[in-house]
C-alpha atoms as a PDB file:
ATOM      1  CA  MET A   1     105.196  99.096  68.630  1.00  0.00           C
ATOM      2  CA  GLN A   2     108.884  99.202  69.475  1.00  0.00           C
ATOM      3  CA  GLU A   3     109.897  96.351  71.767  1.00  0.00           C
ATOM      4  CA  LEU A   4     111.006  97.020  75.323  1.00  0.00           C
ATOM      5  CA  LEU A   5     114.753  97.004  75.848  1.00  0.00           C
ATOM      6  CA  SER A   6     115.924  93.703  77.244  1.00  0.00           C
ATOM      7  CA  SER A   7     118.241  93.466  80.216  1.00  0.00           C
ATOM      8  CA  GLU A   8     120.500  91.221  78.144  1.00  0.00           C
ATOM      9  CA  GLY A   9     120.733  93.793  75.356  1.00  0.00           C
ATOM     10  CA  LEU A  10     121.972  96.540  77.681  1.00  0.00           C
ATOM     11  CA  GLY A  11     123.778  94.459  80.264  1.00  0.00           C
ATOM     12  CA  ILE A  12     121.431  95.620  83.036  1.00  0.00           C
ATOM     13  CA  GLN A  13     121.941  94.179  86.502  1.00  0.00           C
ATOM     14  CA  GLY A  14     119.412  94.051  89.284  1.00  0.00           C
ATOM     15  CA  GLY A  15     119.553  96.964  91.724  1.00  0.00           C
ATOM     16  CA  THR A  16     117.793  98.950  94.414  1.00  0.00           C
ATOM     17  CA  ALA A  17     117.782 102.403  92.816  1.00  0.00           C
ATOM     18  CA  MET A  18     114.235 103.273  93.842  1.00  0.00           C
ATOM     19  CA  GLN A  19     114.813 102.052  97.400  1.00  0.00           C
ATOM     20  CA  GLU A  20     117.762 104.413  97.669  1.00  0.00           C
ATOM     21  CA  LEU A  21     115.797 107.284  96.144  1.00  0.00           C
ATOM     22  CA  LEU A  22     112.964 106.799  98.630  1.00  0.00           C
ATOM     23  CA  SER A  23     115.181 106.234 101.664  1.00  0.00           C
ATOM     24  CA  SER A  24     114.529 108.443 104.667  1.00  0.00           C
ATOM     25  CA  GLU A  25     118.146 109.599 104.527  1.00  0.00           C
ATOM     26  CA  PHE A  26     117.869 110.917 100.975  1.00  0.00           C
ATOM     27  CA  LEU A  27     114.422 112.456 101.468  1.00  0.00           C
ATOM     28  CA  GLY A  28     115.677 114.181 104.591  1.00  0.00           C
ATOM     29  CA  LYS A  29     118.636 115.527 102.610  1.00  0.00           C
ATOM     30  CA  LEU A  30     116.251 117.001 100.014  1.00  0.00           C
ATOM     31  CA  GLU A  31     114.111 118.645 102.669  1.00  0.00           C
ATOM     32  CA  THR A  32     117.158 120.259 104.276  1.00  0.00           C
ATOM     33  CA  LEU A  33     118.640 121.408 100.960  1.00  0.00           C
ATOM     34  CA  ALA A  34     115.389 123.049  99.899  1.00  0.00           C
ATOM     35  CA  LYS A  35     115.081 125.078 103.091  1.00  0.00           C
ATOM     36  CA  GLU A  36     118.752 126.058 103.286  1.00  0.00           C
ATOM     37  CA  LYS A  37     119.177 127.001  99.621  1.00  0.00           C
ATOM     38  CA  ALA A  38     115.839 128.697  98.802  1.00  0.00           C
ATOM     39  CA  GLU A  39     117.161 132.217  99.351  1.00  0.00           C
ATOM     40  CA  GLU A  40     120.315 131.543  97.332  1.00  0.00           C
ATOM     41  CA  TYR A  41     118.223 130.072  94.519  1.00  0.00           C
ATOM     42  CA  LYS A  42     116.011 133.142  94.356  1.00  0.00           C
ATOM     43  CA  ASN A  43     118.912 135.612  94.320  1.00  0.00           C
ATOM     44  CA  ASN A  44     121.249 133.866  91.870  1.00  0.00           C
ATOM     45  CA  LYS A  45     121.889 135.665  88.584  1.00  0.00           C
ATOM     46  CA  PRO A  46     121.065 135.979  85.722  1.00  0.00           C
ATOM     47  CA  PHE A  47     117.820 134.254  86.791  1.00  0.00           C
ATOM     48  CA  PRO A  48     116.886 131.960  89.689  1.00  0.00           C
ATOM     49  CA  HIS A  49     118.987 128.809  89.591  1.00  0.00           C
ATOM     50  CA  ILE A  50     121.288 126.563  91.575  1.00  0.00           C
ATOM     51  CA  TYR A  51     123.268 123.363  91.215  1.00  0.00           C
ATOM     52  CA  PHE A  52     124.060 120.546  93.630  1.00  0.00           C
ATOM     53  CA  ASP A  53     126.926 118.083  93.496  1.00  0.00           C
ATOM     54  CA  ASN A  54     126.436 114.422  94.476  1.00  0.00           C
ATOM     55  CA  PHE A  55     122.697 115.000  94.160  1.00  0.00           C
ATOM     56  CA  LEU A  56     121.330 111.469  93.778  1.00  0.00           C
ATOM     57  CA  PRO A  57     122.173 108.645  96.205  1.00  0.00           C
ATOM     58  CA  VAL A  58     125.452 107.179  95.027  1.00  0.00           C
ATOM     59  CA  GLU A  59     124.000 103.703  94.343  1.00  0.00           C
ATOM     60  CA  ALA A  60     121.179 105.122  92.202  1.00  0.00           C
ATOM     61  CA  ALA A  61     123.519 107.422  90.278  1.00  0.00           C
ATOM     62  CA  GLU A  62     126.059 104.657  89.642  1.00  0.00           C
ATOM     63  CA  ALA A  63     123.332 102.306  88.412  1.00  0.00           C
ATOM     64  CA  ALA A  64     121.871 104.962  86.104  1.00  0.00           C
ATOM     65  CA  ILE A  65     125.194 105.770  84.452  1.00  0.00           C
ATOM     66  CA  ARG A  66     126.000 102.070  84.116  1.00  0.00           C
ATOM     67  CA  ASP A  67     122.757 101.449  82.217  1.00  0.00           C
ATOM     68  CA  PHE A  68     122.510 104.751  80.326  1.00  0.00           C
ATOM     69  CA  PRO A  69     121.898 103.655  76.705  1.00  0.00           C
ATOM     70  CA  GLU A  70     124.570 104.399  74.116  1.00  0.00           C
ATOM     71  CA  PRO A  71     123.634 106.142  70.825  1.00  0.00           C
ATOM     72  CA  LYS A  72     123.305 102.847  68.928  1.00  0.00           C
ATOM     73  CA  GLN A  73     121.191 101.119  71.576  1.00  0.00           C
ATOM     74  CA  LEU A  74     118.002 103.141  71.117  1.00  0.00           C
ATOM     75  CA  ALA A  75     116.006 104.809  68.372  1.00  0.00           C
ATOM     76  CA  TRP A  76     116.999 108.270  69.614  1.00  0.00           C
ATOM     77  CA  SER A  77     115.390 111.379  68.175  1.00  0.00           C
ATOM     78  CA  GLU A  78     118.190 113.186  66.379  1.00  0.00           C
ATOM     79  CA  PHE A  79     118.397 116.968  66.096  1.00  0.00           C
ATOM     80  CA  ASN A  80     120.913 118.151  63.515  1.00  0.00           C
ATOM     81  CA  ASN A  81     120.516 121.764  62.451  1.00  0.00           C
ATOM     82  CA  PRO A  82     122.395 125.067  62.872  1.00  0.00           C
ATOM     83  CA  ASN A  83     120.852 125.584  66.327  1.00  0.00           C
ATOM     84  CA  GLU A  84     121.406 122.163  67.859  1.00  0.00           C
ATOM     85  CA  ARG A  85     123.092 118.817  67.347  1.00  0.00           C
ATOM     86  CA  LYS A  86     121.927 116.330  69.945  1.00  0.00           C
ATOM     87  CA  LEU A  87     120.095 113.079  70.653  1.00  0.00           C
ATOM     88  CA  ALA A  88     116.967 112.822  72.803  1.00  0.00           C
ATOM     89  CA  TYR A  89     114.728 110.022  74.078  1.00  0.00           C
ATOM     90  CA  ASP A  90     111.528 110.473  76.089  1.00  0.00           C
ATOM     91  CA  VAL A  91     109.775 107.066  75.998  1.00  0.00           C
ATOM     92  CA  VAL A  92     110.623 106.510  79.633  1.00  0.00           C
ATOM     93  CA  GLU A  93     108.775 103.206  80.082  1.00  0.00           C
ATOM     94  CA  ARG A  94     111.119 101.571  77.549  1.00  0.00           C
ATOM     95  CA  LEU A  95     114.298 102.509  79.381  1.00  0.00           C
ATOM     96  CA  PRO A  96     116.372 100.290  81.670  1.00  0.00           C
ATOM     97  CA  GLY A  97     114.827 100.041  85.126  1.00  0.00           C
ATOM     98  CA  THR A  98     117.650 101.871  86.889  1.00  0.00           C
ATOM     99  CA  VAL A  99     117.362 104.883  84.571  1.00  0.00           C
ATOM    100  CA  ARG A 100     113.571 104.731  84.604  1.00  0.00           C
ATOM    101  CA  ASP A 101     113.564 104.775  88.410  1.00  0.00           C
ATOM    102  CA  VAL A 102     115.461 108.065  88.439  1.00  0.00           C
ATOM    103  CA  LEU A 103     113.033 109.651  85.975  1.00  0.00           C
ATOM    104  CA  TYR A 104     110.013 108.366  87.873  1.00  0.00           C
ATOM    105  CA  PHE A 105     111.453 109.691  91.144  1.00  0.00           C
ATOM    106  CA  LEU A 106     112.055 113.116  89.589  1.00  0.00           C
ATOM    107  CA  ASN A 107     108.293 113.234  88.906  1.00  0.00           C
ATOM    108  CA  SER A 108     107.343 111.999  92.389  1.00  0.00           C
ATOM    109  CA  ARG A 109     105.719 113.834  95.295  1.00  0.00           C
ATOM    110  CA  PRO A 110     108.930 114.138  97.374  1.00  0.00           C
ATOM    111  CA  MET A 111     110.724 115.763  94.437  1.00  0.00           C
ATOM    112  CA  ILE A 112     107.807 118.120  93.776  1.00  0.00           C
ATOM    113  CA  GLU A 113     107.730 119.184  97.421  1.00  0.00           C
ATOM    114  CA  PHE A 114     111.489 119.774  97.303  1.00  0.00           C
ATOM    115  CA  LEU A 115     111.118 121.976  94.209  1.00  0.00           C
ATOM    116  CA  GLU A 116     108.237 123.979  95.663  1.00  0.00           C
ATOM    117  CA  VAL A 117     110.226 124.896  98.776  1.00  0.00           C
ATOM    118  CA  LEU A 118     113.463 125.534  96.868  1.00  0.00           C
ATOM    119  CA  THR A 119     111.952 127.706  94.112  1.00  0.00           C
ATOM    120  CA  GLY A 120     109.036 129.276  95.981  1.00  0.00           C
ATOM    121  CA  ILE A 121     106.709 128.177  93.160  1.00  0.00           C
ATOM    122  CA  LYS A 122     103.483 126.669  94.459  1.00  0.00           C
ATOM    123  CA  GLY A 123     101.306 124.085  92.750  1.00  0.00           C
ATOM    124  CA  VAL A 124     104.175 122.512  90.789  1.00  0.00           C
ATOM    125  CA  ILE A 125     102.978 119.829  88.366  1.00  0.00           C
ATOM    126  CA  PRO A 126     105.259 117.198  86.765  1.00  0.00           C
ATOM    127  CA  ASP A 127     104.898 116.113  83.139  1.00  0.00           C
ATOM    128  CA  PRO A 128     103.880 112.431  82.781  1.00  0.00           C
ATOM    129  CA  TYR A 129     104.750 112.658  79.072  1.00  0.00           C
ATOM    130  CA  TYR A 130     108.303 113.966  79.649  1.00  0.00           C
ATOM    131  CA  VAL A 131     107.872 116.230  76.607  1.00  0.00           C
ATOM    132  CA  GLY A 132     111.303 117.455  75.546  1.00  0.00           C
ATOM    133  CA  GLY A 133     112.829 115.695  78.554  1.00  0.00           C
ATOM    134  CA  GLY A 134     113.916 112.170  79.396  1.00  0.00           C
ATOM    135  CA  LEU A 135     117.444 111.415  78.229  1.00  0.00           C
ATOM    136  CA  HIS A 136     119.741 113.732  76.276  1.00  0.00           C
ATOM    137  CA  GLN A 137     123.063 112.822  74.715  1.00  0.00           C
ATOM    138  CA  ILE A 138     125.499 114.899  72.682  1.00  0.00           C
ATOM    139  CA  LYS A 139     128.375 113.565  70.614  1.00  0.00           C
ATOM    140  CA  ARG A 140     131.704 115.237  69.928  1.00  0.00           C
ATOM    141  CA  GLY A 141     131.088 118.393  67.876  1.00  0.00           C
ATOM    142  CA  GLY A 142     127.486 118.658  69.063  1.00  0.00           C
ATOM    143  CA  LYS A 143     125.968 121.685  70.745  1.00  0.00           C
ATOM    144  CA  LEU A 144     122.779 123.302  71.979  1.00  0.00           C
ATOM    145  CA  GLY A 145     122.451 126.960  71.032  1.00  0.00           C
ATOM    146  CA  VAL A 146     121.485 129.503  73.679  1.00  0.00           C
ATOM    147  CA  HIS A 147     117.710 129.646  73.922  1.00  0.00           C
ATOM    148  CA  ALA A 148     114.617 130.114  76.053  1.00  0.00           C
ATOM    149  CA  ASP A 149     112.429 127.019  76.264  1.00  0.00           C
ATOM    150  CA  PHE A 150     108.891 126.610  74.983  1.00  0.00           C
ATOM    151  CA  ASN A 151     106.710 128.207  77.646  1.00  0.00           C
ATOM    152  CA  PHE A 152     103.414 126.335  77.413  1.00  0.00           C
ATOM    153  CA  HIS A 153     102.528 122.615  77.447  1.00  0.00           C
ATOM    154  CA  THR A 154      99.728 122.488  74.886  1.00  0.00           C
ATOM    155  CA  LYS A 155      98.610 118.964  75.820  1.00  0.00           C
ATOM    156  CA  LEU A 156      98.286 119.761  79.525  1.00  0.00           C
ATOM    157  CA  ASN A 157      97.418 123.468  79.118  1.00  0.00           C
ATOM    158  CA  LEU A 158     100.019 124.411  81.717  1.00  0.00           C
ATOM    159  CA  ASP A 159     102.806 126.989  81.996  1.00  0.00           C
ATOM    160  CA  ARG A 160     106.391 125.758  82.057  1.00  0.00           C
ATOM    161  CA  ARG A 161     108.173 126.884  85.225  1.00  0.00           C
ATOM    162  CA  ILE A 162     111.186 124.724  86.223  1.00  0.00           C
ATOM    163  CA  ASN A 163     113.904 122.629  84.566  1.00  0.00           C
ATOM    164  CA  VAL A 164     115.918 119.928  86.357  1.00  0.00           C
ATOM    165  CA  LEU A 165     119.047 118.488  84.705  1.00  0.00           C
ATOM    166  CA  VAL A 166     121.111 115.653  86.180  1.00  0.00           C
ATOM    167  CA  TYR A 167     124.440 115.040  84.454  1.00  0.00           C
ATOM    168  CA  MET A 168     125.848 111.547  83.914  1.00  0.00           C
ATOM    169  CA  ASN A 169     129.476 112.158  82.905  1.00  0.00           C
ATOM    170  CA  LYS A 170     132.234 110.529  84.924  1.00  0.00           C
ATOM    171  CA  ASP A 171     135.773 111.893  84.798  1.00  0.00           C
ATOM    172  CA  TRP A 172     134.591 114.817  82.673  1.00  0.00           C
ATOM    173  CA  LYS A 173     137.429 117.270  82.075  1.00  0.00           C
ATOM    174  CA  GLU A 174     137.222 121.039  81.716  1.00  0.00           C
ATOM    175  CA  GLU A 175     138.732 120.887  78.223  1.00  0.00           C
ATOM    176  CA  TYR A 176     135.912 118.623  77.003  1.00  0.00           C
ATOM    177  CA  GLY A 177     133.570 121.611  77.213  1.00  0.00           C
ATOM    178  CA  GLY A 178     129.817 121.103  77.262  1.00  0.00           C
ATOM    179  CA  HIS A 179     129.373 123.679  80.025  1.00  0.00           C
ATOM    180  CA  PHE A 180     125.768 124.527  80.823  1.00  0.00           C
ATOM    181  CA  GLU A 181     125.670 128.303  80.322  1.00  0.00           C
ATOM    182  CA  LEU A 182     123.181 130.791  81.765  1.00  0.00           C
ATOM    183  CA  TRP A 183     123.035 134.079  79.825  1.00  0.00           C
ATOM    184  CA  ASN A 184     121.789 137.534  80.736  1.00  0.00           C
ATOM    185  CA  GLN A 185     118.754 139.045  79.028  1.00  0.00           C
ATOM    186  CA  ASP A 186     120.650 141.253  76.568  1.00  0.00           C
ATOM    187  CA  MET A 187     122.726 138.234  75.451  1.00  0.00           C
ATOM    188  CA  SER A 188     125.999 140.075  76.108  1.00  0.00           C
ATOM    189  CA  ARG A 189     127.565 137.345  78.239  1.00  0.00           C
ATOM    190  CA  ALA A 190     127.131 134.078  80.093  1.00  0.00           C
ATOM    191  CA  GLU A 191     126.919 134.898  83.788  1.00  0.00           C
ATOM    192  CA  GLN A 192     127.224 131.285  84.895  1.00  0.00           C
ATOM    193  CA  LYS A 193     128.955 128.233  83.378  1.00  0.00           C
ATOM    194  CA  ILE A 194     128.415 124.812  84.939  1.00  0.00           C
ATOM    195  CA  LEU A 195     130.572 121.822  83.984  1.00  0.00           C
ATOM    196  CA  PRO A 196     128.318 118.752  83.397  1.00  0.00           C
ATOM    197  CA  VAL A 197     130.106 116.376  85.765  1.00  0.00           C
ATOM    198  CA  PHE A 198     128.706 113.129  87.137  1.00  0.00           C
ATOM    199  CA  ASN A 199     125.724 113.410  89.506  1.00  0.00           C
ATOM    200  CA  ARG A 200     125.642 117.217  89.368  1.00  0.00           C
ATOM    201  CA  CYS A 201     122.067 118.537  89.298  1.00  0.00           C
ATOM    202  CA  ALA A 202     121.238 121.953  87.830  1.00  0.00           C
ATOM    203  CA  ILE A 203     117.832 123.507  88.565  1.00  0.00           C
ATOM    204  CA  PHE A 204     116.474 126.779  87.199  1.00  0.00           C
ATOM    205  CA  SER A 205     113.257 128.726  86.693  1.00  0.00           C
ATOM    206  CA  THR A 206     112.089 129.006  83.102  1.00  0.00           C
ATOM    207  CA  THR A 207     110.654 132.137  81.532  1.00  0.00           C
ATOM    208  CA  SER A 208     110.709 133.605  78.032  1.00  0.00           C
ATOM    209  CA  THR A 209     114.045 135.281  78.861  1.00  0.00           C
ATOM    210  CA  SER A 210     115.828 132.556  80.854  1.00  0.00           C
ATOM    211  CA  TYR A 211     118.440 132.055  78.146  1.00  0.00           C
ATOM    212  CA  HIS A 212     120.638 128.974  78.480  1.00  0.00           C
ATOM    213  CA  GLY A 213     122.423 126.284  76.495  1.00  0.00           C
ATOM    214  CA  HIS A 214     125.885 125.091  75.537  1.00  0.00           C
ATOM    215  CA  PRO A 215     126.729 126.932  72.316  1.00  0.00           C
ATOM    216  CA  THR A 216     130.368 125.847  71.983  1.00  0.00           C
ATOM    217  CA  PRO A 217     130.719 122.530  70.097  1.00  0.00           C
ATOM    218  CA  LEU A 218     131.716 119.642  72.325  1.00  0.00           C
ATOM    219  CA  SER A 219     135.405 118.691  72.245  1.00  0.00           C
ATOM    220  CA  CYS A 220     135.375 115.435  74.218  1.00  0.00           C
ATOM    221  CA  PRO A 221     137.141 112.310  72.875  1.00  0.00           C
ATOM    222  CA  PRO A 222     135.238 110.604  70.010  1.00  0.00           C
ATOM    223  CA  GLU A 223     134.218 107.672  72.218  1.00  0.00           C
ATOM    224  CA  ARG A 224     132.666 109.946  74.867  1.00  0.00           C
ATOM    225  CA  THR A 225     129.281 111.690  74.889  1.00  0.00           C
ATOM    226  CA  ARG A 226     127.712 114.333  77.123  1.00  0.00           C
ATOM    227  CA  LYS A 227     124.849 112.539  78.932  1.00  0.00           C
ATOM    228  CA  SER A 228     122.046 114.067  80.968  1.00  0.00           C
ATOM    229  CA  ILE A 229     118.651 113.276  82.476  1.00  0.00           C
ATOM    230  CA  ALA A 230     116.045 116.037  82.159  1.00  0.00           C
ATOM    231  CA  THR A 231     112.631 116.703  83.672  1.00  0.00           C
ATOM    232  CA  TYR A 232     110.444 119.792  83.341  1.00  0.00           C
ATOM    233  CA  TYR A 233     107.731 121.129  85.621  1.00  0.00           C
ATOM    234  CA  TYR A 234     104.626 123.259  85.185  1.00  0.00           C
ATOM    235  CA  SER A 235     101.924 125.225  86.974  1.00  0.00           C
ATOM    236  CA  ASN A 236      98.423 126.443  86.214  1.00  0.00           C
ATOM    237  CA  GLY A 237      99.270 130.062  85.452  1.00  0.00           C
ATOM    238  CA  ARG A 238     102.327 132.142  86.310  1.00  0.00           C
ATOM    239  CA  PRO A 239     103.129 135.604  87.745  1.00  0.00           C
ATOM    240  CA  GLU A 240     101.787 138.454  85.630  1.00  0.00           C
ATOM    241  CA  GLU A 241     105.275 139.838  84.965  1.00  0.00           C
ATOM    242  CA  GLU A 242     106.276 136.511  83.371  1.00  0.00           C
ATOM    243  CA  VAL A 243     103.268 136.166  81.072  1.00  0.00           C
ATOM    244  CA  HIS A 244     104.229 136.010  77.396  1.00  0.00           C
ATOM    245  CA  GLU A 245     102.481 134.817  74.290  1.00  0.00           C
ATOM    246  CA  THR A 246     102.771 131.066  73.754  1.00  0.00           C
ATOM    247  CA  HIS A 247     105.948 130.192  71.903  1.00  0.00           C
ATOM    248  CA  SER A 248     108.217 127.301  70.981  1.00  0.00           C
ATOM    249  CA  THR A 249     111.970 127.316  71.651  1.00  0.00           C
ATOM    250  CA  LEU A 250     113.455 130.796  71.170  1.00  0.00           C
ATOM    251  CA  PHE A 251     117.050 130.456  69.976  1.00  0.00           C
ATOM    252  CA  GLN A 252     119.276 133.490  70.476  1.00  0.00           C
ATOM    253  CA  GLN A 253     122.465 134.793  68.884  1.00  0.00           C
ATOM    254  CA  SER A 254     125.382 134.799  71.296  1.00  0.00           C
ATOM    255  CA  PRO A 255     128.489 136.911  70.604  1.00  0.00           C
ATOM    256  CA  GLY A 256     130.609 135.328  67.878  1.00  0.00           C
ATOM    257  CA  SER A 257     127.983 132.728  66.919  1.00  0.00           C
ATOM    258  CA  ALA A 258     126.003 132.315  63.730  1.00  0.00           C
ATOM    259  CA  ARG A 259     122.563 133.865  63.558  1.00  0.00           C
ATOM    260  CA  PRO A 260     119.999 131.330  64.852  1.00  0.00           C
ATOM    261  CA  VAL A 261     117.465 129.788  62.499  1.00  0.00           C
ATOM    262  CA  ARG A 262     114.045 131.206  63.295  1.00  0.00           C
ATOM    263  CA  ASP A 263     110.593 129.689  62.967  1.00  0.00           C
ATOM    264  CA  THR A 264     109.768 131.620  59.789  1.00  0.00           C
ATOM    265  CA  VAL A 265     106.547 129.758  59.059  1.00  0.00           C
ATOM    266  CA  GLY A 266     105.259 130.469  62.554  1.00  0.00           C
ATOM    267  CA  LYS A 267     106.057 134.149  62.201  1.00  0.00           C
ATOM    268  CA  VAL A 268     104.233 134.354  58.870  1.00  0.00           C
ATOM    269  CA  VAL A 269     101.149 132.657  60.324  1.00  0.00           C
ATOM    270  CA  HIS A 270     101.253 135.036  63.292  1.00  0.00           C
ATOM    271  CA  ALA A 271     101.594 138.046  60.997  1.00  0.00           C
ATOM    272  CA  ILE A 272      98.617 137.201  58.773  1.00  0.00           C
ATOM    273  CA  THR A 273      96.264 136.022  61.525  1.00  0.00           C
ATOM    274  CA  PRO A 274      93.866 138.720  62.796  1.00  0.00           C
ATOM    275  CA  PRO A 275      94.620 139.804  66.396  1.00  0.00           C
ATOM    276  CA  ILE A 276      91.108 138.892  67.555  1.00  0.00           C
ATOM    277  CA  ILE A 277      91.733 135.256  66.583  1.00  0.00           C
ATOM    278  CA  LEU A 278      95.212 135.188  68.175  1.00  0.00           C
ATOM    279  CA  ASN A 279      93.792 136.593  71.406  1.00  0.00           C
ATOM    280  CA  ALA A 280      90.953 134.070  71.395  1.00  0.00           C
ATOM    281  CA  VAL A 281      93.374 131.159  70.953  1.00  0.00           C
ATOM    282  CA  LYS A 282      95.580 132.482  73.744  1.00  0.00           C
ATOM    283  CA  LYS A 283      92.590 132.775  76.094  1.00  0.00           C
ATOM    284  CA  MET A 284      91.551 129.218  75.248  1.00  0.00           C
ATOM    285  CA  HIS A 285      95.042 127.985  76.153  1.00  0.00           C
ATOM    286  CA  ARG A 286      94.948 129.837  79.438  1.00  0.00           C
END
């Protein structure tokens, strides 16, 4: 088993991140934001979304960026293919306490209640495994092609409904790129581009057509990376109009980009499997 990160190894100092995250002032802020911004969230295009600046309490955010592990400090999962070039780490219990506190808070009851009011989705369930979430980091030249996320958590048998992204990039300039882009359904254009600046939180509803990503390779200085904290949320079932067969990440082709690499093996298996078996598997998942 991989050893826990030591405070000496990452230069971690003691802090009160969780106390700040659970303060009555911050929880009251969340409650107010959810009520005031629910209508805006629902009506934003191309699909329900919103972003908030200065989202986390300043002390918690400063501590998290201070202790955010660099690429060489962890055994990151590395994705390097035509669709994506990024680093990811989801073993939350092995992270520095200040970063871990943020991730644990994002899965807490106050955060869930905030998301339910903001999005209008009831019965929101966090993912204790942080599958696909946790920490993300992208080096210069990296990217994440436009895509729709996997729509079903096979371990929990739940439908994916909400993404929350908190960016950890101080003094991030427009020319560095790395904008979080939200695309329309026909993939003709990005209707929203969000610069991933420090302590900015982007939240959006996930469906099989909520296309998003940052397809333009990052152009930050070589010593910089695009850092983010990600958590995903689920429910037992979803509205009928959103129901789609279970799928993994669906990468799309944006104008001027290379054709995305598809899951050819999965398509072949789907093509040769009798419909009665596919339907039975789908019913078992549901």
